[in-house]
């Protein structure tokens, strides 16, 4: 019995020795910090972003308090961004901001965080097909706008401020137009209070955007439907004063004939709606009955193209003037 115990002990010792031997073969050699950093930069220069991410992660793991650790964290934000990993890029930016709130390059982290969301909002299809991105969920656009706002408020003299301002103006137009689409949706469903609130939100938060006159027109029509004539008059007065050439068109639902409804707008017609009064009476003669424009002396133009009809409004021109500016 004692002999068996000795044999078992020897076998166990032999197995442990073998494991330690094989484990020693798999040990990663001790690479100097400078070498790893140079390899990561070479990979970035060669646009091999997957390899760059691997090297930068190794650098952080091996030398968390080394002289290249902070720079490696910044480079990781960029590498993730170029490698089409937006969630990882934003996470890396948030981590850098949390760990180094007083770093000299903290503005870069905010800029890359906003830029990542900005590019994520522009989908692949939207770049190559004529899709209206202002009708999509603006979640990424809101995140981008928030990050850019922090950058401009805290670091107005940053080298990234000029580009940030241009992108924020684009985002303002995008977000304002989205609100107009939502308000129009509410108008078609006769949700007057919700539509008026959306219009007021645009006027209060997205001034100097092309969507403001549409917002005022929606407010005027919605308040009229609610019987709030004083508020409706105020909205029209503001619209008349600031946008004298704007022609108010009806946003409320119109009456469709049965054939138009059954064919999803491919055939049939829309019964004429009584147009709202134009802000500029001089141009009243150029108005169609549905609120859009026609040449003063001839037949009406601007009807829906066949491409617009067969794609149910996705592509082509629907012939309307005064739609929310994209």
C-alpha atoms as a PDB file:
ATOM      1  CA  UNK A   1       0.000   0.000   0.000  1.00  0.00           C
ATOM      2  CA  UNK A   2       2.841   2.349   0.856  1.00  0.00           C
ATOM      3  CA  UNK A   3       4.450   1.523  -2.460  1.00  0.00           C
ATOM      4  CA  UNK A   4       1.309   2.537  -4.359  1.00  0.00           C
ATOM      5  CA  UNK A   5       1.226   5.897  -2.586  1.00  0.00           C
ATOM      6  CA  UNK A   6       4.819   6.584  -3.546  1.00  0.00           C
ATOM      7  CA  UNK A   7       4.136   5.746  -7.175  1.00  0.00           C
ATOM      8  CA  UNK A   8       1.080   8.061  -7.244  1.00  0.00           C
ATOM      9  CA  UNK A   9       3.086  10.919  -5.715  1.00  0.00           C
ATOM     10  CA  UNK A  10       5.821  10.505  -8.316  1.00  0.00           C
ATOM     11  CA  UNK A  11       3.282  10.552 -11.152  1.00  0.00           C
ATOM     12  CA  UNK A  12       1.667  13.748  -9.833  1.00  0.00           C
ATOM     13  CA  UNK A  13       5.063  15.436  -9.488  1.00  0.00           C
ATOM     14  CA  UNK A  14       5.947  14.429 -13.038  1.00  0.00           C
ATOM     15  CA  UNK A  15       2.691  15.896 -14.386  1.00  0.00           C
ATOM     16  CA  UNK A  16       3.187  19.163 -12.518  1.00  0.00           C
ATOM     17  CA  UNK A  17       6.736  19.435 -13.846  1.00  0.00           C
ATOM     18  CA  UNK A  18       5.519  18.866 -17.402  1.00  0.00           C
ATOM     19  CA  UNK A  19       2.807  21.507 -17.042  1.00  0.00           C
ATOM     20  CA  UNK A  20       5.268  24.060 -15.734  1.00  0.00           C
ATOM     21  CA  UNK A  21       7.651  23.251 -18.578  1.00  0.00           C
ATOM     22  CA  UNK A  22       4.993  23.715 -21.278  1.00  0.00           C
ATOM     23  CA  UNK A  23       3.722  26.848 -19.546  1.00  0.00           C
ATOM     24  CA  UNK A  24       7.204  28.294 -19.594  1.00  0.00           C
ATOM     25  CA  UNK A  25       7.301  27.784 -23.352  1.00  0.00           C
ATOM     26  CA  UNK A  26       4.126  29.892 -23.774  1.00  0.00           C
ATOM     27  CA  UNK A  27       5.329  32.804 -21.654  1.00  0.00           C
ATOM     28  CA  UNK A  28       5.393  36.051 -23.641  1.00  0.00           C
ATOM     29  CA  UNK A  29       8.893  37.481 -23.678  1.00  0.00           C
ATOM     30  CA  UNK A  30       9.494  40.754 -21.871  1.00  0.00           C
ATOM     31  CA  UNK A  31       9.341  43.375 -24.665  1.00  0.00           C
ATOM     32  CA  UNK A  32      10.511  46.923 -23.845  1.00  0.00           C
ATOM     33  CA  UNK A  33       7.813  49.601 -23.672  1.00  0.00           C
ATOM     34  CA  UNK A  34       9.417  51.670 -26.427  1.00  0.00           C
ATOM     35  CA  UNK A  35       9.413  48.712 -28.817  1.00  0.00           C
ATOM     36  CA  UNK A  36       5.720  47.973 -28.297  1.00  0.00           C
ATOM     37  CA  UNK A  37       4.811  51.621 -28.758  1.00  0.00           C
ATOM     38  CA  UNK A  38       6.861  51.885 -31.958  1.00  0.00           C
ATOM     39  CA  UNK A  39       5.193  48.734 -33.309  1.00  0.00           C
ATOM     40  CA  UNK A  40       1.769  50.219 -32.554  1.00  0.00           C
ATOM     41  CA  UNK A  41       2.628  53.472 -34.334  1.00  0.00           C
ATOM     42  CA  UNK A  42       3.972  51.571 -37.327  1.00  0.00           C
ATOM     43  CA  UNK A  43       0.718  49.611 -37.513  1.00  0.00           C
ATOM     44  CA  UNK A  44      -1.297  52.853 -37.383  1.00  0.00           C
ATOM     45  CA  UNK A  45       0.821  54.376 -40.159  1.00  0.00           C
ATOM     46  CA  UNK A  46       0.233  51.264 -42.252  1.00  0.00           C
ATOM     47  CA  UNK A  47      -3.525  51.503 -41.477  1.00  0.00           C
ATOM     48  CA  UNK A  48      -3.417  48.047 -39.924  1.00  0.00           C
ATOM     49  CA  UNK A  49      -5.780  49.107 -37.181  1.00  0.00           C
ATOM     50  CA  UNK A  50      -6.458  45.622 -35.799  1.00  0.00           C
ATOM     51  CA  UNK A  51      -2.741  45.089 -35.164  1.00  0.00           C
ATOM     52  CA  UNK A  52      -2.438  48.604 -33.735  1.00  0.00           C
ATOM     53  CA  UNK A  53      -5.251  47.889 -31.271  1.00  0.00           C
ATOM     54  CA  UNK A  54      -3.545  44.641 -30.233  1.00  0.00           C
ATOM     55  CA  UNK A  55      -0.214  46.397 -29.626  1.00  0.00           C
ATOM     56  CA  UNK A  56      -1.778  49.306 -27.737  1.00  0.00           C
ATOM     57  CA  UNK A  57      -3.744  46.949 -25.515  1.00  0.00           C
ATOM     58  CA  UNK A  58      -0.540  44.997 -24.817  1.00  0.00           C
ATOM     59  CA  UNK A  59       1.258  48.237 -23.982  1.00  0.00           C
ATOM     60  CA  UNK A  60      -1.434  49.200 -21.465  1.00  0.00           C
ATOM     61  CA  UNK A  61      -1.448  45.743 -19.899  1.00  0.00           C
ATOM     62  CA  UNK A  62       2.340  45.487 -19.587  1.00  0.00           C
ATOM     63  CA  UNK A  63       3.097  49.096 -18.635  1.00  0.00           C
ATOM     64  CA  UNK A  64      -0.063  50.650 -17.089  1.00  0.00           C
ATOM     65  CA  UNK A  65       1.989  53.442 -15.520  1.00  0.00           C
ATOM     66  CA  UNK A  66       4.643  53.766 -18.205  1.00  0.00           C
ATOM     67  CA  UNK A  67       5.570  56.929 -20.031  1.00  0.00           C
ATOM     68  CA  UNK A  68       3.489  55.927 -23.084  1.00  0.00           C
ATOM     69  CA  UNK A  69       0.374  54.735 -21.225  1.00  0.00           C
ATOM     70  CA  UNK A  70      -1.642  57.962 -21.576  1.00  0.00           C
ATOM     71  CA  UNK A  71      -0.674  58.382 -25.212  1.00  0.00           C
ATOM     72  CA  UNK A  72      -1.605  54.742 -25.858  1.00  0.00           C
ATOM     73  CA  UNK A  73      -5.093  55.392 -24.459  1.00  0.00           C
ATOM     74  CA  UNK A  74      -5.536  58.328 -26.844  1.00  0.00           C
ATOM     75  CA  UNK A  75      -4.274  56.304 -29.780  1.00  0.00           C
ATOM     76  CA  UNK A  76      -6.723  53.531 -28.892  1.00  0.00           C
ATOM     77  CA  UNK A  77      -9.649  55.921 -29.326  1.00  0.00           C
ATOM     78  CA  UNK A  78      -8.481  56.695 -32.852  1.00  0.00           C
ATOM     79  CA  UNK A  79      -7.643  53.076 -33.702  1.00  0.00           C
ATOM     80  CA  UNK A  80     -11.091  51.861 -32.645  1.00  0.00           C
ATOM     81  CA  UNK A  81     -12.691  54.668 -34.657  1.00  0.00           C
ATOM     82  CA  UNK A  82     -10.783  53.772 -37.828  1.00  0.00           C
ATOM     83  CA  UNK A  83     -11.452  50.071 -37.277  1.00  0.00           C
ATOM     84  CA  UNK A  84     -15.228  50.733 -37.376  1.00  0.00           C
ATOM     85  CA  UNK A  85     -15.769  49.952 -33.705  1.00  0.00           C
ATOM     86  CA  UNK A  86     -17.787  53.004 -32.584  1.00  0.00           C
ATOM     87  CA  UNK A  87     -18.896  51.570 -29.236  1.00  0.00           C
ATOM     88  CA  UNK A  88     -15.301  50.694 -28.304  1.00  0.00           C
ATOM     89  CA  UNK A  89     -14.078  54.117 -29.447  1.00  0.00           C
ATOM     90  CA  UNK A  90     -16.634  55.950 -27.298  1.00  0.00           C
ATOM     91  CA  UNK A  91     -15.863  53.690 -24.352  1.00  0.00           C
ATOM     92  CA  UNK A  92     -12.144  54.405 -24.717  1.00  0.00           C
ATOM     93  CA  UNK A  93     -12.862  58.149 -24.887  1.00  0.00           C
ATOM     94  CA  UNK A  94     -15.059  58.000 -21.772  1.00  0.00           C
ATOM     95  CA  UNK A  95     -12.347  56.056 -19.944  1.00  0.00           C
ATOM     96  CA  UNK A  96      -9.671  58.606 -20.848  1.00  0.00           C
ATOM     97  CA  UNK A  97     -11.919  61.507 -19.758  1.00  0.00           C
ATOM     98  CA  UNK A  98     -12.614  59.769 -16.454  1.00  0.00           C
ATOM     99  CA  UNK A  99      -8.963  58.914 -15.732  1.00  0.00           C
ATOM    100  CA  UNK A 100      -7.360  62.138 -16.977  1.00  0.00           C
ATOM    101  CA  UNK A 101      -9.830  65.035 -16.570  1.00  0.00           C
ATOM    102  CA  UNK A 102      -7.008  67.617 -16.588  1.00  0.00           C
ATOM    103  CA  UNK A 103      -4.935  66.191 -19.408  1.00  0.00           C
ATOM    104  CA  UNK A 104      -3.597  68.600 -22.014  1.00  0.00           C
ATOM    105  CA  UNK A 105      -5.286  66.595 -24.783  1.00  0.00           C
ATOM    106  CA  UNK A 106      -8.643  66.067 -23.084  1.00  0.00           C
ATOM    107  CA  UNK A 107     -10.286  68.117 -25.853  1.00  0.00           C
ATOM    108  CA  UNK A 108      -9.207  65.461 -28.350  1.00  0.00           C
ATOM    109  CA  UNK A 109     -11.079  62.802 -26.360  1.00  0.00           C
ATOM    110  CA  UNK A 110     -14.279  64.878 -26.430  1.00  0.00           C
ATOM    111  CA  UNK A 111     -13.815  65.588 -30.131  1.00  0.00           C
ATOM    112  CA  UNK A 112     -13.333  61.921 -31.025  1.00  0.00           C
ATOM    113  CA  UNK A 113     -16.305  60.933 -28.882  1.00  0.00           C
ATOM    114  CA  UNK A 114     -18.507  63.384 -30.764  1.00  0.00           C
ATOM    115  CA  UNK A 115     -17.027  62.448 -34.138  1.00  0.00           C
ATOM    116  CA  UNK A 116     -17.641  58.744 -33.534  1.00  0.00           C
ATOM    117  CA  UNK A 117     -21.342  59.325 -32.874  1.00  0.00           C
ATOM    118  CA  UNK A 118     -21.492  61.784 -35.786  1.00  0.00           C
ATOM    119  CA  UNK A 119     -20.218  59.175 -38.238  1.00  0.00           C
ATOM    120  CA  UNK A 120     -22.360  56.440 -36.688  1.00  0.00           C
ATOM    121  CA  UNK A 121     -25.472  58.545 -37.362  1.00  0.00           C
ATOM    122  CA  UNK A 122     -24.643  58.541 -41.070  1.00  0.00           C
ATOM    123  CA  UNK A 123     -25.529  54.989 -42.032  1.00  0.00           C
ATOM    124  CA  UNK A 124     -23.905  53.168 -44.936  1.00  0.00           C
ATOM    125  CA  UNK A 125     -27.111  53.233 -47.003  1.00  0.00           C
ATOM    126  CA  UNK A 126     -27.702  56.931 -46.331  1.00  0.00           C
ATOM    127  CA  UNK A 127     -24.310  57.760 -47.858  1.00  0.00           C
ATOM    128  CA  UNK A 128     -25.000  56.048 -51.182  1.00  0.00           C
ATOM    129  CA  UNK A 129     -28.798  56.098 -51.548  1.00  0.00           C
ATOM    130  CA  UNK A 130     -31.143  59.118 -51.560  1.00  0.00           C
ATOM    131  CA  UNK A 131     -32.655  58.306 -48.170  1.00  0.00           C
ATOM    132  CA  UNK A 132     -33.888  61.015 -45.833  1.00  0.00           C
ATOM    133  CA  UNK A 133     -31.789  60.531 -42.703  1.00  0.00           C
ATOM    134  CA  UNK A 134     -33.725  63.270 -40.901  1.00  0.00           C
ATOM    135  CA  UNK A 135     -36.631  60.840 -40.532  1.00  0.00           C
ATOM    136  CA  UNK A 136     -34.529  58.246 -38.681  1.00  0.00           C
ATOM    137  CA  UNK A 137     -34.035  58.030 -34.925  1.00  0.00           C
ATOM    138  CA  UNK A 138     -31.611  60.814 -33.933  1.00  0.00           C
ATOM    139  CA  UNK A 139     -30.063  59.026 -30.937  1.00  0.00           C
ATOM    140  CA  UNK A 140     -26.490  59.053 -32.258  1.00  0.00           C
ATOM    141  CA  UNK A 141     -26.901  62.638 -33.500  1.00  0.00           C
ATOM    142  CA  UNK A 142     -27.980  63.738 -30.018  1.00  0.00           C
ATOM    143  CA  UNK A 143     -24.966  62.011 -28.442  1.00  0.00           C
ATOM    144  CA  UNK A 144     -22.664  63.691 -30.929  1.00  0.00           C
ATOM    145  CA  UNK A 145     -24.240  67.102 -30.344  1.00  0.00           C
ATOM    146  CA  UNK A 146     -23.832  66.719 -26.573  1.00  0.00           C
ATOM    147  CA  UNK A 147     -20.140  65.776 -26.809  1.00  0.00           C
ATOM    148  CA  UNK A 148     -19.409  68.625 -29.207  1.00  0.00           C
ATOM    149  CA  UNK A 149     -21.277  71.053 -26.929  1.00  0.00           C
ATOM    150  CA  UNK A 150     -19.106  70.084 -23.965  1.00  0.00           C
ATOM    151  CA  UNK A 151     -15.989  70.562 -26.077  1.00  0.00           C
ATOM    152  CA  UNK A 152     -16.978  74.068 -27.198  1.00  0.00           C
ATOM    153  CA  UNK A 153     -18.167  75.163 -23.753  1.00  0.00           C
ATOM    154  CA  UNK A 154     -15.093  73.966 -21.885  1.00  0.00           C
ATOM    155  CA  UNK A 155     -12.406  74.416 -24.526  1.00  0.00           C
ATOM    156  CA  UNK A 156     -13.514  77.196 -26.902  1.00  0.00           C
ATOM    157  CA  UNK A 157      -9.909  77.780 -28.031  1.00  0.00           C
ATOM    158  CA  UNK A 158      -9.284  74.137 -28.913  1.00  0.00           C
ATOM    159  CA  UNK A 159      -7.794  73.409 -32.315  1.00  0.00           C
ATOM    160  CA  UNK A 160     -10.812  71.170 -32.900  1.00  0.00           C
ATOM    161  CA  UNK A 161     -13.318  73.971 -32.201  1.00  0.00           C
ATOM    162  CA  UNK A 162     -13.740  75.216 -35.820  1.00  0.00           C
ATOM    163  CA  UNK A 163     -14.560  71.775 -37.186  1.00  0.00           C
ATOM    164  CA  UNK A 164     -16.781  71.110 -34.180  1.00  0.00           C
ATOM    165  CA  UNK A 165     -18.800  74.270 -34.852  1.00  0.00           C
ATOM    166  CA  UNK A 166     -19.420  73.258 -38.459  1.00  0.00           C
ATOM    167  CA  UNK A 167     -20.553  69.797 -37.454  1.00  0.00           C
ATOM    168  CA  UNK A 168     -22.802  71.191 -34.728  1.00  0.00           C
ATOM    169  CA  UNK A 169     -24.562  73.432 -37.241  1.00  0.00           C
ATOM    170  CA  UNK A 170     -25.229  70.396 -39.419  1.00  0.00           C
ATOM    171  CA  UNK A 171     -26.516  68.495 -36.384  1.00  0.00           C
ATOM    172  CA  UNK A 172     -28.794  71.389 -35.419  1.00  0.00           C
ATOM    173  CA  UNK A 173     -30.376  71.319 -38.873  1.00  0.00           C
ATOM    174  CA  UNK A 174     -30.682  67.539 -38.723  1.00  0.00           C
ATOM    175  CA  UNK A 175     -32.307  67.496 -35.289  1.00  0.00           C
ATOM    176  CA  UNK A 176     -34.619  70.424 -36.056  1.00  0.00           C
ATOM    177  CA  UNK A 177     -35.837  68.822 -39.269  1.00  0.00           C
ATOM    178  CA  UNK A 178     -36.478  65.577 -37.431  1.00  0.00           C
ATOM    179  CA  UNK A 179     -38.680  67.479 -34.974  1.00  0.00           C
ATOM    180  CA  UNK A 180     -40.620  68.939 -37.917  1.00  0.00           C
ATOM    181  CA  UNK A 181     -41.227  65.442 -39.287  1.00  0.00           C
ATOM    182  CA  UNK A 182     -42.537  64.348 -35.896  1.00  0.00           C
ATOM    183  CA  UNK A 183     -44.727  67.448 -35.607  1.00  0.00           C
ATOM    184  CA  UNK A 184     -46.121  66.805 -39.100  1.00  0.00           C
ATOM    185  CA  UNK A 185     -46.899  63.234 -38.057  1.00  0.00           C
ATOM    186  CA  UNK A 186     -48.869  64.560 -35.090  1.00  0.00           C
ATOM    187  CA  UNK A 187     -50.673  67.081 -37.286  1.00  0.00           C
ATOM    188  CA  UNK A 188     -51.828  64.355 -39.671  1.00  0.00           C
ATOM    189  CA  UNK A 189     -53.243  62.481 -36.682  1.00  0.00           C
ATOM    190  CA  UNK A 190     -54.844  65.607 -35.278  1.00  0.00           C
ATOM    191  CA  UNK A 191     -52.722  65.538 -32.118  1.00  0.00           C
ATOM    192  CA  UNK A 192     -52.676  69.317 -31.986  1.00  0.00           C
ATOM    193  CA  UNK A 193     -51.105  69.761 -28.544  1.00  0.00           C
ATOM    194  CA  UNK A 194     -48.207  67.412 -29.305  1.00  0.00           C
ATOM    195  CA  UNK A 195     -47.616  69.089 -32.680  1.00  0.00           C
ATOM    196  CA  UNK A 196     -47.622  72.582 -31.148  1.00  0.00           C
ATOM    197  CA  UNK A 197     -45.167  71.482 -28.449  1.00  0.00           C
ATOM    198  CA  UNK A 198     -42.790  70.059 -31.052  1.00  0.00           C
ATOM    199  CA  UNK A 199     -42.955  73.263 -33.061  1.00  0.00           C
ATOM    200  CA  UNK A 200     -42.276  75.375 -29.976  1.00  0.00           C
ATOM    201  CA  UNK A 201     -39.322  73.128 -29.089  1.00  0.00           C
ATOM    202  CA  UNK A 202     -37.742  73.847 -32.479  1.00  0.00           C
ATOM    203  CA  UNK A 203     -38.268  77.592 -32.137  1.00  0.00           C
ATOM    204  CA  UNK A 204     -36.800  77.665 -28.626  1.00  0.00           C
ATOM    205  CA  UNK A 205     -33.862  75.299 -29.104  1.00  0.00           C
ATOM    206  CA  UNK A 206     -32.883  75.405 -32.786  1.00  0.00           C
ATOM    207  CA  UNK A 207     -32.973  79.059 -33.734  1.00  0.00           C
ATOM    208  CA  UNK A 208     -31.330  80.103 -37.006  1.00  0.00           C
ATOM    209  CA  UNK A 209     -32.071  76.745 -38.629  1.00  0.00           C
ATOM    210  CA  UNK A 210     -34.115  76.363 -41.847  1.00  0.00           C
ATOM    211  CA  UNK A 211     -36.770  74.437 -39.898  1.00  0.00           C
ATOM    212  CA  UNK A 212     -37.894  77.423 -37.789  1.00  0.00           C
ATOM    213  CA  UNK A 213     -40.455  78.837 -40.263  1.00  0.00           C
ATOM    214  CA  UNK A 214     -42.059  75.389 -40.633  1.00  0.00           C
ATOM    215  CA  UNK A 215     -42.174  75.144 -36.847  1.00  0.00           C
ATOM    216  CA  UNK A 216     -43.946  78.505 -36.578  1.00  0.00           C
ATOM    217  CA  UNK A 217     -46.428  77.500 -39.277  1.00  0.00           C
ATOM    218  CA  UNK A 218     -47.201  74.270 -37.419  1.00  0.00           C
ATOM    219  CA  UNK A 219     -47.677  76.187 -34.190  1.00  0.00           C
ATOM    220  CA  UNK A 220     -50.051  78.632 -35.898  1.00  0.00           C
ATOM    221  CA  UNK A 221     -52.180  75.880 -37.428  1.00  0.00           C
ATOM    222  CA  UNK A 222     -52.183  73.701 -34.306  1.00  0.00           C
ATOM    223  CA  UNK A 223     -53.159  76.612 -32.043  1.00  0.00           C
ATOM    224  CA  UNK A 224     -55.923  77.528 -34.477  1.00  0.00           C
ATOM    225  CA  UNK A 225     -57.291  73.978 -34.303  1.00  0.00           C
ATOM    226  CA  UNK A 226     -57.186  74.197 -30.500  1.00  0.00           C
ATOM    227  CA  UNK A 227     -59.043  77.496 -30.520  1.00  0.00           C
ATOM    228  CA  UNK A 228     -56.075  79.381 -29.060  1.00  0.00           C
ATOM    229  CA  UNK A 229     -56.363  82.291 -31.457  1.00  0.00           C
ATOM    230  CA  UNK A 230     -54.036  84.626 -29.549  1.00  0.00           C
ATOM    231  CA  UNK A 231     -51.181  82.122 -29.639  1.00  0.00           C
ATOM    232  CA  UNK A 232     -51.892  81.364 -33.288  1.00  0.00           C
ATOM    233  CA  UNK A 233     -51.772  85.069 -34.158  1.00  0.00           C
ATOM    234  CA  UNK A 234     -48.500  85.483 -32.259  1.00  0.00           C
ATOM    235  CA  UNK A 235     -46.933  82.621 -34.218  1.00  0.00           C
ATOM    236  CA  UNK A 236     -48.114  84.085 -37.530  1.00  0.00           C
ATOM    237  CA  UNK A 237     -46.861  87.545 -36.603  1.00  0.00           C
ATOM    238  CA  UNK A 238     -43.420  86.200 -35.707  1.00  0.00           C
ATOM    239  CA  UNK A 239     -43.363  84.218 -38.950  1.00  0.00           C
ATOM    240  CA  UNK A 240     -44.443  87.246 -40.998  1.00  0.00           C
ATOM    241  CA  UNK A 241     -41.835  89.487 -39.374  1.00  0.00           C
ATOM    242  CA  UNK A 242     -38.853  87.143 -39.697  1.00  0.00           C
ATOM    243  CA  UNK A 243     -39.744  85.188 -42.866  1.00  0.00           C
ATOM    244  CA  UNK A 244     -41.806  87.533 -45.056  1.00  0.00           C
ATOM    245  CA  UNK A 245     -41.505  85.330 -48.164  1.00  0.00           C
ATOM    246  CA  UNK A 246     -42.627  82.128 -46.465  1.00  0.00           C
ATOM    247  CA  UNK A 247     -45.898  80.664 -47.736  1.00  0.00           C
ATOM    248  CA  UNK A 248     -47.908  78.780 -45.122  1.00  0.00           C
ATOM    249  CA  UNK A 249     -49.093  75.374 -46.320  1.00  0.00           C
ATOM    250  CA  UNK A 250     -51.514  73.152 -44.427  1.00  0.00           C
ATOM    251  CA  UNK A 251     -49.970  70.451 -42.270  1.00  0.00           C
ATOM    252  CA  UNK A 252     -53.327  69.082 -41.078  1.00  0.00           C
ATOM    253  CA  UNK A 253     -54.720  65.932 -42.742  1.00  0.00           C
ATOM    254  CA  UNK A 254     -56.424  66.327 -46.112  1.00  0.00           C
ATOM    255  CA  UNK A 255     -59.322  64.348 -47.567  1.00  0.00           C
ATOM    256  CA  UNK A 256     -58.278  61.498 -49.869  1.00  0.00           C
ATOM    257  CA  UNK A 257     -60.651  59.859 -52.319  1.00  0.00           C
ATOM    258  CA  UNK A 258     -61.210  56.095 -52.068  1.00  0.00           C
ATOM    259  CA  UNK A 259     -59.040  55.198 -55.076  1.00  0.00           C
ATOM    260  CA  UNK A 260     -56.109  57.233 -53.692  1.00  0.00           C
ATOM    261  CA  UNK A 261     -56.379  55.481 -50.318  1.00  0.00           C
ATOM    262  CA  UNK A 262     -56.762  51.972 -51.779  1.00  0.00           C
ATOM    263  CA  UNK A 263     -53.701  52.324 -54.024  1.00  0.00           C
ATOM    264  CA  UNK A 264     -51.493  54.018 -51.397  1.00  0.00           C
ATOM    265  CA  UNK A 265     -51.373  57.220 -53.413  1.00  0.00           C
ATOM    266  CA  UNK A 266     -50.452  55.656 -56.769  1.00  0.00           C
ATOM    267  CA  UNK A 267     -53.820  56.563 -58.329  1.00  0.00           C
ATOM    268  CA  UNK A 268     -56.695  58.871 -57.533  1.00  0.00           C
ATOM    269  CA  UNK A 269     -56.443  62.366 -56.141  1.00  0.00           C
ATOM    270  CA  UNK A 270     -56.532  64.481 -53.025  1.00  0.00           C
ATOM    271  CA  UNK A 271     -59.568  66.645 -52.489  1.00  0.00           C
ATOM    272  CA  UNK A 272     -58.458  70.286 -52.385  1.00  0.00           C
ATOM    273  CA  UNK A 273     -57.899  71.689 -48.938  1.00  0.00           C
ATOM    274  CA  UNK A 274     -58.530  75.304 -48.059  1.00  0.00           C
ATOM    275  CA  UNK A 275     -55.061  76.867 -47.898  1.00  0.00           C
ATOM    276  CA  UNK A 276     -53.876  78.897 -44.964  1.00  0.00           C
ATOM    277  CA  UNK A 277     -53.403  82.547 -45.819  1.00  0.00           C
ATOM    278  CA  UNK A 278     -49.973  83.423 -47.215  1.00  0.00           C
ATOM    279  CA  UNK A 279     -47.750  85.533 -45.041  1.00  0.00           C
ATOM    280  CA  UNK A 280     -46.877  87.649 -48.079  1.00  0.00           C
ATOM    281  CA  UNK A 281     -50.137  88.662 -49.820  1.00  0.00           C
ATOM    282  CA  UNK A 282     -48.189  89.729 -52.931  1.00  0.00           C
ATOM    283  CA  UNK A 283     -47.530  86.061 -53.710  1.00  0.00           C
ATOM    284  CA  UNK A 284     -51.054  84.794 -53.076  1.00  0.00           C
ATOM    285  CA  UNK A 285     -51.796  84.462 -56.790  1.00  0.00           C
ATOM    286  CA  UNK A 286     -48.949  81.949 -57.136  1.00  0.00           C
ATOM    287  CA  UNK A 287     -50.399  79.539 -54.585  1.00  0.00           C
ATOM    288  CA  UNK A 288     -52.006  76.242 -55.469  1.00  0.00           C
ATOM    289  CA  UNK A 289     -55.012  75.140 -53.503  1.00  0.00           C
ATOM    290  CA  UNK A 290     -52.909  72.646 -51.555  1.00  0.00           C
ATOM    291  CA  UNK A 291     -50.542  75.366 -50.385  1.00  0.00           C
ATOM    292  CA  UNK A 292     -47.618  74.829 -52.794  1.00  0.00           C
ATOM    293  CA  UNK A 293     -46.483  77.084 -55.634  1.00  0.00           C
ATOM    294  CA  UNK A 294     -47.305  77.198 -59.342  1.00  0.00           C
ATOM    295  CA  UNK A 295     -46.340  79.624 -62.115  1.00  0.00           C
ATOM    296  CA  UNK A 296     -48.619  82.617 -62.046  1.00  0.00           C
ATOM    297  CA  UNK A 297     -49.835  82.388 -65.613  1.00  0.00           C
ATOM    298  CA  UNK A 298     -50.013  78.700 -66.496  1.00  0.00           C
ATOM    299  CA  UNK A 299     -50.903  75.174 -65.526  1.00  0.00           C
ATOM    300  CA  UNK A 300     -49.967  73.670 -62.199  1.00  0.00           C
ATOM    301  CA  UNK A 301     -46.605  72.001 -61.852  1.00  0.00           C
ATOM    302  CA  UNK A 302     -44.880  70.023 -59.200  1.00  0.00           C
ATOM    303  CA  UNK A 303     -47.036  66.863 -59.229  1.00  0.00           C
ATOM    304  CA  UNK A 304     -45.621  63.604 -57.872  1.00  0.00           C
ATOM    305  CA  UNK A 305     -43.187  61.886 -60.204  1.00  0.00           C
ATOM    306  CA  UNK A 306     -43.787  58.254 -61.174  1.00  0.00           C
ATOM    307  CA  UNK A 307     -40.631  57.267 -59.253  1.00  0.00           C
ATOM    308  CA  UNK A 308     -42.161  58.866 -56.172  1.00  0.00           C
ATOM    309  CA  UNK A 309     -45.422  56.986 -56.739  1.00  0.00           C
ATOM    310  CA  UNK A 310     -44.076  53.496 -57.403  1.00  0.00           C
ATOM    311  CA  UNK A 311     -41.736  53.692 -54.386  1.00  0.00           C
ATOM    312  CA  UNK A 312     -44.525  54.960 -52.111  1.00  0.00           C
ATOM    313  CA  UNK A 313     -42.757  58.278 -51.582  1.00  0.00           C
ATOM    314  CA  UNK A 314     -39.301  56.852 -50.773  1.00  0.00           C
ATOM    315  CA  UNK A 315     -37.600  58.190 -53.919  1.00  0.00           C
ATOM    316  CA  UNK A 316     -38.343  60.828 -56.498  1.00  0.00           C
ATOM    317  CA  UNK A 317     -39.924  64.282 -56.179  1.00  0.00           C
ATOM    318  CA  UNK A 318     -43.319  64.725 -54.605  1.00  0.00           C
ATOM    319  CA  UNK A 319     -43.625  68.185 -56.126  1.00  0.00           C
ATOM    320  CA  UNK A 320     -44.216  70.089 -52.913  1.00  0.00           C
ATOM    321  CA  UNK A 321     -42.539  73.385 -52.085  1.00  0.00           C
ATOM    322  CA  UNK A 322     -41.879  74.408 -48.539  1.00  0.00           C
ATOM    323  CA  UNK A 323     -41.047  70.933 -47.140  1.00  0.00           C
ATOM    324  CA  UNK A 324     -38.730  70.940 -44.128  1.00  0.00           C
ATOM    325  CA  UNK A 325     -35.233  71.727 -45.266  1.00  0.00           C
ATOM    326  CA  UNK A 326     -32.870  68.789 -45.028  1.00  0.00           C
END
